Amino acid sequence: MAKLTPSSLGQSFERRTFVIGAIQGGLGLLLAARMGYIAVAENAKYEMESESNRVNLSLIPPRRGWILDRNGAPLASNRADFRVDIIPERLKDPQREVATVGQLLGLKPDQVADLNTRIANAARFQGVPVASGLDYDQFAAVSVRQPELPGVVPQRGYSRYYPTGPAVGHLLGYVGAATKEEYDKEPTPLLVTPGFKLGKDGLEKQFEKTLRGEPGARRTEVTASGRIVRDLDTREDVQGQSIKLTIDGALQDFAARRIGLQSAAVVVIDCHTGGILTMTSMPCFDPNTFANGIGRIEWKMLNEDDHIPLLNKAVRGLYPPGSTVKPLASLALQINGVSPDEKVNCPGGYQLGNRFFRCDARHGVLDMRGAIEHSCNTYFWTMVHRIGYENVAPIAKRLGLGQEYDLPGVNQRYGTVPDPEWKMRRYKQEWTAADGLNAAIGQGYGLVSPLQ
């Protein structure tokens, strides 16, 4: 066994020191090389990541184009407002954050419950509207608490505004936040940008690409907690194009007010141009409410209302046309050889076999003009029975009854213009003379929309 001496111990220590020093030196060189590589070769990559941690880039929802009436008055416009949205996937403590926002904005318990339901049903990345049209104090109260509410997004922007509210609800439709299905069809970041709304129904949906516009962008410097330090750069949005309708806004509003709480529809058409001046269906929902997010209670009330405010009666309501078909029947009579001067005596009704069809009065002797003027059923029963209703039905179809019209943003129901073939196809029954008499005065099987 070798004897340990001070000299041998010294040499052993020096060798170990050299080995350890060499290892440390090698590690140092590796670290220095790696740092050099990061600082030089990957400088751009890490500079970008550092910038993204310091700078927040967000889209600015574009202002929608206006919808104007024939005189240039706005039927749908935009107004500046303060709003608050929630992005579910950013929430750290959903119950606490929603409760805090509800307290700051003074939301009622049912509104908070609605908000929780909408958050639960929304896609995690989809912005959920909380409130819009806020005053500055409410907006500021949420803004100063934003660092502790990471999923809450207060912002200044524009919201859709319908000056006459329900008067144009069925005509224009409404806007709302994009659903998951809509995002799947068009997966663009704009659709999940808080505050962005797209057309959901009516003309707002039909002309979505025209009205949408181009989004802007904003770069802001933020702290590690997400607090905004300052705005760095802003690219303004480009407003969508406006569209002009044949509708007379003042007449549309007058018709809606005139109907009031009744269930009815009004359609007014310019006989010279064919332009629709008014197409009103009441009662109707307020599109401003839909645009800001409708609550469960209000939605339930709309669904259960026996006046059916969600139905556009002007194009989807089907009713017996009544005596409005008599001018149409007069045209069919003339086409089939009946002279307008030929007279018919109205003794108060018309005898068909052993059945007496009663008129509303005894009009005496009338020609075609007089029959239209006094709305005499007996005249039309007599003449239509002579030529056969199968010769009237084609004229009704040529004039638009039972037909689909080429109108944008309108989901129509066509109704029924009955004739012998239709009855056999529908009921497997023969057409009778009584069917023809009923159809001649707009009763029986005939159904048309107010627009028709």
Protein backbone atom coordinates (compact mmCIF):
# COMPACT_ATOMS: atom_id res chain seq x y z
CA MET A 1 0.00 0.00 0.00
CA ALA A 2 1.40 3.38 -1.07
CA LYS A 3 2.32 5.71 1.70
CA LEU A 4 0.54 9.06 1.71
CA THR A 5 2.92 11.96 2.01
CA PRO A 6 2.28 15.70 1.92
CA SER A 7 3.78 15.80 -1.55
CA SER A 8 1.48 13.08 -2.97
CA LEU A 9 -1.58 14.64 -1.36
CA GLY A 10 -0.72 17.96 -2.94
CA GLN A 11 -0.37 16.43 -6.40
CA SER A 12 -3.73 14.59 -6.04
CA PHE A 13 -5.51 17.81 -5.02
CA GLU A 14 -4.02 19.68 -7.99
CA ARG A 15 -5.25 16.99 -10.43
CA ARG A 16 -8.78 17.09 -9.00
CA THR A 17 -8.76 20.86 -9.12
CA PHE A 18 -7.71 20.77 -12.75
CA VAL A 19 -10.45 18.29 -13.69
CA ILE A 20 -13.13 20.27 -11.86
CA GLY A 21 -11.86 23.50 -13.39
CA ALA A 22 -11.90 21.96 -16.86
CA ILE A 23 -15.49 20.78 -16.38
CA GLN A 24 -16.57 24.19 -15.10
CA GLY A 25 -14.77 25.88 -17.97
CA GLY A 26 -16.49 23.60 -20.47
CA LEU A 27 -19.89 24.30 -18.97
CA GLY A 28 -19.12 28.00 -19.02
CA LEU A 29 -18.19 27.82 -22.69
CA LEU A 30 -21.43 25.93 -23.46
CA LEU A 31 -23.51 28.47 -21.58
CA ALA A 32 -21.69 31.34 -23.27
CA ALA A 33 -22.23 29.74 -26.70
CA ARG A 34 -25.93 29.19 -25.94
CA MET A 35 -26.34 32.77 -24.73
CA GLY A 36 -24.57 34.01 -27.83
CA TYR A 37 -26.84 31.89 -30.04
CA ILE A 38 -29.95 33.22 -28.30
CA ALA A 39 -28.72 36.80 -28.39
CA VAL A 40 -27.66 36.75 -32.04
CA ALA A 41 -29.30 33.94 -34.01
CA GLU A 42 -32.69 33.97 -32.25
CA ASN A 43 -32.76 37.63 -31.38
CA ALA A 44 -35.77 38.37 -33.59
CA LYS A 45 -37.83 35.50 -32.16
CA TYR A 46 -37.34 36.44 -28.51
CA GLU A 47 -37.70 40.12 -29.23
CA MET A 48 -41.11 39.37 -30.73
CA GLU A 49 -42.14 37.22 -27.75
CA SER A 50 -40.98 39.90 -25.35
CA GLU A 51 -42.92 42.50 -27.31
CA SER A 52 -46.06 40.34 -27.22
CA ASN A 53 -45.78 40.12 -23.42
CA ARG A 54 -45.52 43.89 -23.20
CA VAL A 55 -47.86 44.89 -26.04
CA ASN A 56 -51.45 43.78 -26.47
CA LEU A 57 -52.94 43.77 -29.97
CA SER A 58 -56.75 43.83 -30.19
CA LEU A 59 -59.26 44.24 -33.01
CA ILE A 60 -61.72 47.13 -33.13
CA PRO A 61 -65.18 46.00 -34.29
CA PRO A 62 -66.19 47.90 -37.43
CA ARG A 63 -69.16 50.26 -37.45
CA ARG A 64 -72.00 48.83 -39.49
CA GLY A 65 -73.33 50.67 -42.50
CA TRP A 66 -76.58 52.56 -41.99
CA ILE A 67 -79.91 51.40 -43.37
CA LEU A 68 -81.75 54.39 -44.84
CA ASP A 69 -85.31 54.97 -45.99
CA ARG A 70 -86.24 56.39 -49.39
CA ASN A 71 -85.64 59.94 -48.12
CA GLY A 72 -82.25 59.22 -46.53
CA ALA A 73 -83.55 59.08 -42.95
CA PRO A 74 -81.88 56.37 -40.81
CA LEU A 75 -83.86 53.25 -40.00
CA ALA A 76 -80.77 51.64 -38.44
CA SER A 77 -77.67 53.57 -37.35
CA ASN A 78 -74.86 53.37 -34.78
CA ARG A 79 -74.33 55.25 -31.55
CA ALA A 80 -71.26 55.55 -29.38
CA ASP A 81 -71.52 53.85 -26.01
CA PHE A 82 -69.66 52.16 -23.18
CA ARG A 83 -70.11 48.42 -22.91
CA VAL A 84 -68.86 45.41 -20.93
CA ASP A 85 -68.36 41.89 -22.25
CA ILE A 86 -67.06 38.66 -20.70
CA ILE A 87 -64.77 36.12 -22.41
CA PRO A 88 -65.41 32.80 -20.61
CA GLU A 89 -62.01 31.21 -21.25
CA ARG A 90 -60.24 34.12 -19.52
CA LEU A 91 -62.23 33.83 -16.30
CA LYS A 92 -60.16 32.61 -13.33
CA ASP A 93 -63.02 32.50 -10.81
CA PRO A 94 -66.27 32.73 -12.84
CA GLN A 95 -68.69 32.95 -9.90
CA ARG A 96 -66.74 35.69 -8.13
CA GLU A 97 -66.06 37.72 -11.27
CA VAL A 98 -69.65 37.57 -12.49
CA ALA A 99 -70.93 38.50 -9.04
CA THR A 100 -68.49 41.43 -8.86
CA VAL A 101 -69.50 42.72 -12.28
CA GLY A 102 -73.17 42.37 -11.37
CA GLN A 103 -72.59 44.40 -8.22
CA LEU A 104 -70.62 47.11 -10.03
CA LEU A 105 -73.27 47.46 -12.75
CA GLY A 106 -76.28 47.07 -10.46
CA LEU A 107 -77.63 43.98 -12.24
CA LYS A 108 -80.75 42.33 -10.86
CA PRO A 109 -80.63 38.68 -9.69
CA ASP A 110 -82.50 37.44 -12.78
CA GLN A 111 -80.06 39.36 -15.02
CA VAL A 112 -77.11 37.76 -13.24
CA ALA A 113 -78.75 34.35 -13.69
CA ASP A 114 -79.25 35.06 -17.41
CA LEU A 115 -75.60 36.08 -17.68
CA ASN A 116 -74.40 32.87 -16.02
CA THR A 117 -76.58 30.82 -18.38
CA ARG A 118 -75.25 32.59 -21.47
CA ILE A 119 -71.66 32.15 -20.28
CA ALA A 120 -72.25 28.43 -19.70
CA ASN A 121 -73.75 27.98 -23.18
CA ALA A 122 -71.22 30.11 -25.07
CA ALA A 123 -68.05 28.90 -26.74
CA ARG A 124 -65.13 29.51 -24.37
CA PHE A 125 -63.51 32.04 -26.70
CA GLN A 126 -66.76 33.84 -27.56
CA GLY A 127 -67.46 37.24 -26.03
CA VAL A 128 -70.69 37.31 -24.00
CA PRO A 129 -72.44 40.72 -23.78
CA VAL A 130 -73.00 41.89 -20.21
CA ALA A 131 -74.32 45.42 -20.63
CA SER A 132 -74.17 48.29 -23.11
CA GLY A 133 -75.24 51.91 -23.06
CA LEU A 134 -73.46 52.39 -19.72
CA ASP A 135 -72.72 55.81 -18.29
CA TYR A 136 -69.11 56.81 -17.68
CA ASP A 137 -69.19 56.14 -13.93
CA GLN A 138 -70.29 52.53 -14.45
CA PHE A 139 -67.70 52.04 -17.18
CA ALA A 140 -64.94 53.51 -14.99
CA ALA A 141 -65.98 51.38 -12.00
CA VAL A 142 -65.39 48.21 -14.03
CA SER A 143 -62.24 49.50 -15.74
CA VAL A 144 -60.36 50.22 -12.49
CA ARG A 145 -61.11 46.68 -11.26
CA GLN A 146 -60.04 45.01 -14.52
CA PRO A 147 -56.74 43.55 -13.20
CA GLU A 148 -58.74 41.43 -10.71
CA LEU A 149 -61.37 40.60 -13.35
CA PRO A 150 -59.28 39.03 -16.15
CA GLY A 151 -62.26 37.75 -18.16
CA VAL A 152 -64.16 41.04 -18.08
CA VAL A 153 -63.63 43.37 -21.04
CA PRO A 154 -64.86 46.99 -20.70
CA GLN A 155 -64.60 48.97 -23.92
CA ARG A 156 -65.75 52.03 -25.75
CA GLY A 157 -67.33 51.42 -29.12
CA TYR A 158 -70.52 51.60 -31.14
CA SER A 159 -73.77 49.71 -30.79
CA ARG A 160 -76.57 49.23 -33.31
CA TYR A 161 -79.48 51.62 -32.84
CA TYR A 162 -82.96 51.48 -34.34
CA PRO A 163 -84.63 54.91 -33.83
CA THR A 164 -88.19 53.63 -34.29
CA GLY A 165 -87.63 50.32 -32.46
CA PRO A 166 -90.46 47.78 -32.96
CA ALA A 167 -91.77 49.57 -36.08
CA VAL A 168 -88.88 48.09 -38.09
CA GLY A 169 -88.17 44.88 -36.14
CA HIS A 170 -89.56 42.40 -38.68
CA LEU A 171 -88.43 44.46 -41.65
CA LEU A 172 -84.77 44.98 -40.71
CA GLY A 173 -84.18 42.09 -38.32
CA TYR A 174 -81.54 42.53 -35.63
CA VAL A 175 -77.87 41.94 -34.82
CA GLY A 176 -76.19 39.82 -32.17
CA ALA A 177 -72.96 38.13 -31.13
CA ALA A 178 -71.74 35.26 -33.32
CA THR A 179 -72.65 31.75 -32.20
CA LYS A 180 -70.29 28.78 -32.22
CA GLU A 181 -71.99 27.48 -35.38
CA GLU A 182 -71.47 30.81 -37.14
CA TYR A 183 -67.81 30.87 -36.08
CA ASP A 184 -67.33 27.32 -37.37
CA LYS A 185 -68.65 28.45 -40.78
CA GLU A 186 -66.48 31.59 -40.77
CA PRO A 187 -63.51 31.07 -38.39
CA THR A 188 -62.14 34.62 -38.31
CA PRO A 189 -60.91 36.44 -35.16
CA LEU A 190 -63.38 39.26 -35.78
CA LEU A 191 -66.36 37.02 -34.99
CA VAL A 192 -65.10 36.42 -31.43
CA THR A 193 -63.98 40.00 -30.82
CA PRO A 194 -65.87 41.47 -27.84
CA GLY A 195 -68.47 43.96 -29.03
CA PHE A 196 -68.74 42.63 -32.58
CA LYS A 197 -72.28 41.94 -33.79
CA LEU A 198 -73.47 40.45 -37.07
CA GLY A 199 -76.86 40.31 -38.76
CA LYS A 200 -79.16 37.60 -37.41
CA ASP A 201 -82.39 38.15 -39.32
CA GLY A 202 -84.08 40.26 -41.99
CA LEU A 203 -82.13 42.78 -44.03
CA GLU A 204 -79.36 42.91 -41.40
CA LYS A 205 -78.57 39.28 -42.22
CA GLN A 206 -79.25 39.49 -45.97
CA PHE A 207 -76.81 42.38 -46.46
CA GLU A 208 -74.27 41.34 -43.82
CA LYS A 209 -71.25 41.53 -46.13
CA THR A 210 -72.25 44.99 -47.36
CA LEU A 211 -73.01 46.40 -43.92
CA ARG A 212 -70.14 44.82 -41.96
CA GLY A 213 -67.15 47.01 -42.84
CA GLU A 214 -63.46 46.38 -42.05
CA PRO A 215 -62.15 46.05 -38.45
CA GLY A 216 -59.56 48.36 -37.00
CA ALA A 217 -56.72 47.43 -34.62
CA ARG A 218 -55.24 48.83 -31.43
CA ARG A 219 -51.77 48.24 -29.89
CA THR A 220 -51.52 48.99 -26.18
CA GLU A 221 -48.69 48.67 -23.65
CA VAL A 222 -49.73 46.56 -20.67
CA THR A 223 -48.26 45.49 -17.35
CA ALA A 224 -47.73 41.86 -16.33
CA SER A 225 -51.17 41.89 -14.65
CA GLY A 226 -52.82 43.16 -17.83
CA ARG A 227 -53.37 46.78 -16.79
CA ILE A 228 -53.18 49.15 -19.77
CA VAL A 229 -50.31 51.61 -19.49
CA ARG A 230 -50.77 53.57 -22.72
CA ASP A 231 -51.99 53.31 -26.30
CA LEU A 232 -49.15 52.77 -28.75
CA ASP A 233 -50.89 52.79 -32.11
CA THR A 234 -54.41 52.65 -33.52
CA ARG A 235 -55.69 51.79 -36.98
CA GLU A 236 -59.23 53.05 -37.40
CA ASP A 237 -61.97 50.75 -38.62
CA VAL A 238 -63.66 51.25 -41.99
CA GLN A 239 -67.41 51.65 -41.70
CA GLY A 240 -69.62 49.36 -43.76
CA GLN A 241 -71.55 50.61 -46.75
CA SER A 242 -75.02 52.02 -46.24
CA ILE A 243 -78.06 50.69 -48.10
CA LYS A 244 -81.14 52.64 -49.14
CA LEU A 245 -84.62 51.12 -49.17
CA THR A 246 -87.90 52.05 -50.86
CA ILE A 247 -89.48 52.19 -47.39
CA ASP A 248 -90.91 55.53 -46.21
CA GLY A 249 -89.71 55.67 -42.61
CA ALA A 250 -92.34 58.15 -41.42
CA LEU A 251 -95.15 56.09 -42.98
CA GLN A 252 -93.70 52.89 -41.52
CA ASP A 253 -93.66 54.43 -38.05
CA PHE A 254 -97.18 55.87 -38.47
CA ALA A 255 -98.56 52.47 -39.48
CA ALA A 256 -96.96 50.81 -36.45
CA ARG A 257 -98.35 53.44 -34.09
CA ARG A 258 -101.76 53.29 -35.72
CA ILE A 259 -101.97 49.53 -35.17
CA GLY A 260 -100.85 50.00 -31.59
CA LEU A 261 -101.47 46.96 -29.40
CA GLN A 262 -103.66 45.22 -31.96
CA SER A 263 -102.50 42.23 -33.97
CA ALA A 264 -102.33 43.35 -37.60
CA ALA A 265 -100.12 44.07 -40.60
CA VAL A 266 -99.97 46.96 -43.07
CA VAL A 267 -98.42 46.90 -46.53
CA VAL A 268 -98.35 49.96 -48.81
CA ILE A 269 -96.99 49.71 -52.36
CA ASP A 270 -96.28 52.48 -54.87
CA CYS A 271 -98.52 51.55 -57.80
CA HIS A 272 -96.29 53.38 -60.29
CA THR A 273 -92.94 51.81 -59.35
CA GLY A 274 -93.87 48.69 -57.39
CA GLY A 275 -91.68 49.90 -54.52
CA ILE A 276 -92.79 48.87 -51.04
CA LEU A 277 -93.39 52.00 -48.97
CA THR A 278 -94.47 50.27 -45.78
CA MET A 279 -94.37 46.71 -44.53
CA THR A 280 -95.35 46.69 -40.87
CA SER A 281 -96.33 43.81 -38.61
CA MET A 282 -97.46 44.47 -35.05
CA PRO A 283 -96.97 43.75 -32.26
CA CYS A 284 -93.26 43.28 -32.76
CA PHE A 285 -90.10 42.79 -30.72
CA ASP A 286 -87.75 45.73 -30.19
CA PRO A 287 -84.55 45.05 -32.19
CA ASN A 288 -82.62 47.31 -29.79
CA THR A 289 -83.32 44.77 -27.02
CA PHE A 290 -82.14 41.86 -29.17
CA ALA A 291 -78.97 43.73 -30.16
CA ASN A 292 -78.04 44.24 -26.49
CA GLY A 293 -78.88 40.66 -25.44
CA ILE A 294 -82.43 39.74 -24.48
CA GLY A 295 -83.17 38.24 -21.06
CA ARG A 296 -85.03 35.02 -20.31
CA ILE A 297 -88.11 36.73 -18.89
CA GLU A 298 -88.58 39.02 -21.89
CA TRP A 299 -87.97 36.13 -24.30
CA LYS A 300 -90.55 34.04 -22.46
CA MET A 301 -93.08 36.89 -22.68
CA LEU A 302 -92.55 37.23 -26.44
CA ASN A 303 -92.98 33.49 -26.98
CA GLU A 304 -96.14 33.25 -24.91
CA ASP A 305 -97.88 36.39 -26.21
CA ASP A 306 -101.08 35.32 -28.01
CA HIS A 307 -100.60 38.21 -30.49
CA ILE A 308 -97.46 36.40 -31.74
CA PRO A 309 -94.98 39.32 -31.87
CA LEU A 310 -92.25 37.04 -33.28
CA LEU A 311 -94.29 36.35 -36.45
CA ASN A 312 -93.95 38.72 -39.40
CA LYS A 313 -97.62 38.75 -40.30
CA ALA A 314 -97.05 40.86 -43.42
CA VAL A 315 -95.34 37.99 -45.26
CA ARG A 316 -95.91 34.91 -43.07
CA GLY A 317 -99.42 35.47 -41.81
CA LEU A 318 -102.03 33.73 -44.01
CA TYR A 319 -105.64 34.91 -44.03
CA PRO A 320 -108.79 34.65 -46.21
CA PRO A 321 -108.53 37.59 -48.65
CA GLY A 322 -112.24 38.41 -48.46
CA SER A 323 -113.65 41.04 -50.79
CA THR A 324 -110.20 42.27 -51.82
CA VAL A 325 -110.33 39.58 -54.54
CA LYS A 326 -113.38 41.12 -56.24
CA PRO A 327 -111.42 43.48 -58.54
CA LEU A 328 -109.28 40.45 -59.45
CA ALA A 329 -112.42 38.43 -60.17
CA SER A 330 -113.72 41.31 -62.32
CA LEU A 331 -110.59 41.11 -64.48
CA ALA A 332 -111.08 37.36 -64.87
CA LEU A 333 -114.72 37.91 -65.85
CA GLN A 334 -113.76 40.38 -68.59
CA ILE A 335 -111.02 38.08 -69.90
CA ASN A 336 -113.67 35.35 -70.16
CA GLY A 337 -116.13 37.51 -72.13
CA VAL A 338 -118.30 39.14 -69.45
CA SER A 339 -119.17 42.76 -70.30
CA PRO A 340 -118.70 45.30 -67.48
CA ASP A 341 -122.08 46.77 -68.45
CA GLU A 342 -124.02 43.56 -67.98
CA LYS A 343 -126.32 43.86 -64.98
CA VAL A 344 -127.29 41.40 -62.25
CA ASN A 345 -130.18 41.74 -59.81
CA CYS A 346 -129.27 41.26 -56.16
CA PRO A 347 -132.36 40.19 -54.15
CA GLY A 348 -130.20 39.73 -51.05
CA GLY A 349 -128.52 36.49 -52.01
CA TYR A 350 -127.95 33.72 -54.54
CA GLN A 351 -129.79 30.40 -54.84
CA LEU A 352 -127.58 27.39 -55.59
CA GLY A 353 -129.68 24.23 -55.66
CA ASN A 354 -131.43 23.95 -52.32
CA ARG A 355 -128.91 26.27 -50.61
CA PHE A 356 -129.31 30.06 -50.41
CA PHE A 357 -126.09 32.09 -50.16
CA ARG A 358 -127.01 35.32 -48.37
CA CYS A 359 -125.53 38.69 -49.42
CA ASP A 360 -124.99 41.42 -46.81
CA ALA A 361 -127.78 43.57 -48.32
CA ARG A 362 -130.32 43.82 -51.13
CA HIS A 363 -128.37 45.85 -53.68
CA GLY A 364 -130.88 45.67 -56.54
CA VAL A 365 -129.67 45.83 -60.15
CA LEU A 366 -125.88 46.39 -60.47
CA ASP A 367 -123.26 46.33 -63.21
CA MET A 368 -119.62 45.40 -62.58
CA ARG A 369 -118.64 48.85 -61.35
CA GLY A 370 -121.59 48.99 -58.98
CA ALA A 371 -120.86 45.48 -57.72
CA ILE A 372 -117.30 46.49 -56.79
CA GLU A 373 -118.49 49.78 -55.28
CA HIS A 374 -121.09 48.08 -53.04
CA SER A 375 -119.07 44.84 -52.61
CA CYS A 376 -122.06 42.84 -53.78
CA ASN A 377 -121.52 39.11 -53.27
CA THR A 378 -124.53 38.15 -55.39
CA TYR A 379 -123.06 39.71 -58.54
CA PHE A 380 -119.80 37.76 -58.22
CA TRP A 381 -121.53 34.52 -57.26
CA THR A 382 -123.67 34.80 -60.37
CA MET A 383 -120.89 35.63 -62.80
CA VAL A 384 -118.22 33.29 -61.40
CA HIS A 385 -120.71 30.42 -61.37
CA ARG A 386 -121.32 31.15 -65.05
CA ILE A 387 -117.66 31.07 -66.18
CA GLY A 388 -116.40 28.59 -63.56
CA TYR A 389 -113.90 29.38 -60.81
CA GLU A 390 -111.26 27.33 -62.62
CA ASN A 391 -111.02 30.33 -64.98
CA VAL A 392 -110.49 32.76 -62.08
CA ALA A 393 -107.71 30.88 -60.25
CA PRO A 394 -105.08 31.29 -63.03
CA ILE A 395 -105.64 35.07 -63.05
CA ALA A 396 -105.16 35.15 -59.27
CA LYS A 397 -101.82 33.38 -59.66
CA ARG A 398 -100.75 35.68 -62.50
CA LEU A 399 -101.41 38.66 -60.21
CA GLY A 400 -99.20 37.21 -57.44
CA LEU A 401 -101.50 35.32 -55.11
CA GLY A 402 -99.96 32.11 -53.83
CA GLN A 403 -96.58 33.11 -55.30
CA GLU A 404 -93.12 33.80 -53.85
CA TYR A 405 -91.78 37.33 -54.33
CA ASP A 406 -88.15 38.13 -55.00
CA LEU A 407 -87.62 40.21 -51.86
CA PRO A 408 -84.35 40.34 -49.86
CA GLY A 409 -84.26 39.27 -46.23
CA VAL A 410 -87.85 37.99 -46.16
CA ASN A 411 -88.94 34.45 -45.32
CA GLN A 412 -92.34 34.13 -47.01
CA ARG A 413 -95.30 31.80 -46.85
CA TYR A 414 -97.12 31.44 -50.15
CA GLY A 415 -100.68 30.70 -49.12
CA THR A 416 -103.27 28.88 -51.24
CA VAL A 417 -105.14 29.69 -54.44
CA PRO A 418 -107.64 26.78 -54.55
CA ASP A 419 -108.83 25.11 -57.74
CA PRO A 420 -110.19 21.63 -58.63
CA GLU A 421 -106.69 20.11 -59.01
CA TRP A 422 -105.56 21.52 -55.66
CA LYS A 423 -108.58 20.14 -53.78
CA MET A 424 -108.17 16.69 -55.28
CA ARG A 425 -104.45 16.70 -54.45
CA ARG A 426 -104.99 18.03 -50.91
CA TYR A 427 -108.23 16.35 -49.82
CA LYS A 428 -108.89 13.69 -52.48
CA GLN A 429 -112.29 15.31 -53.09
CA GLU A 430 -114.08 16.73 -56.13
CA TRP A 431 -114.48 20.50 -56.52
CA THR A 432 -118.06 21.66 -56.02
CA ALA A 433 -120.03 24.67 -57.22
CA ALA A 434 -120.26 25.85 -53.61
CA ASP A 435 -116.46 25.85 -53.39
CA GLY A 436 -116.36 28.15 -56.42
CA LEU A 437 -118.89 30.57 -54.88
CA ASN A 438 -116.91 30.78 -51.62
CA ALA A 439 -113.63 31.31 -53.46
CA ALA A 440 -115.22 34.02 -55.66
CA ILE A 441 -115.62 36.33 -52.64
CA GLY A 442 -112.31 35.42 -50.94
CA GLN A 443 -113.65 32.82 -48.52
CA GLY A 444 -113.36 29.04 -48.28
CA TYR A 445 -109.97 27.48 -48.90
CA GLY A 446 -108.18 30.60 -50.16
CA LEU A 447 -105.36 31.97 -47.99
CA VAL A 448 -103.02 34.85 -48.81
CA SER A 449 -100.51 37.04 -46.98
CA PRO A 450 -101.12 40.79 -46.48
CA LEU A 451 -98.24 41.48 -48.90
CA GLN A 452 -99.97 39.43 -51.61
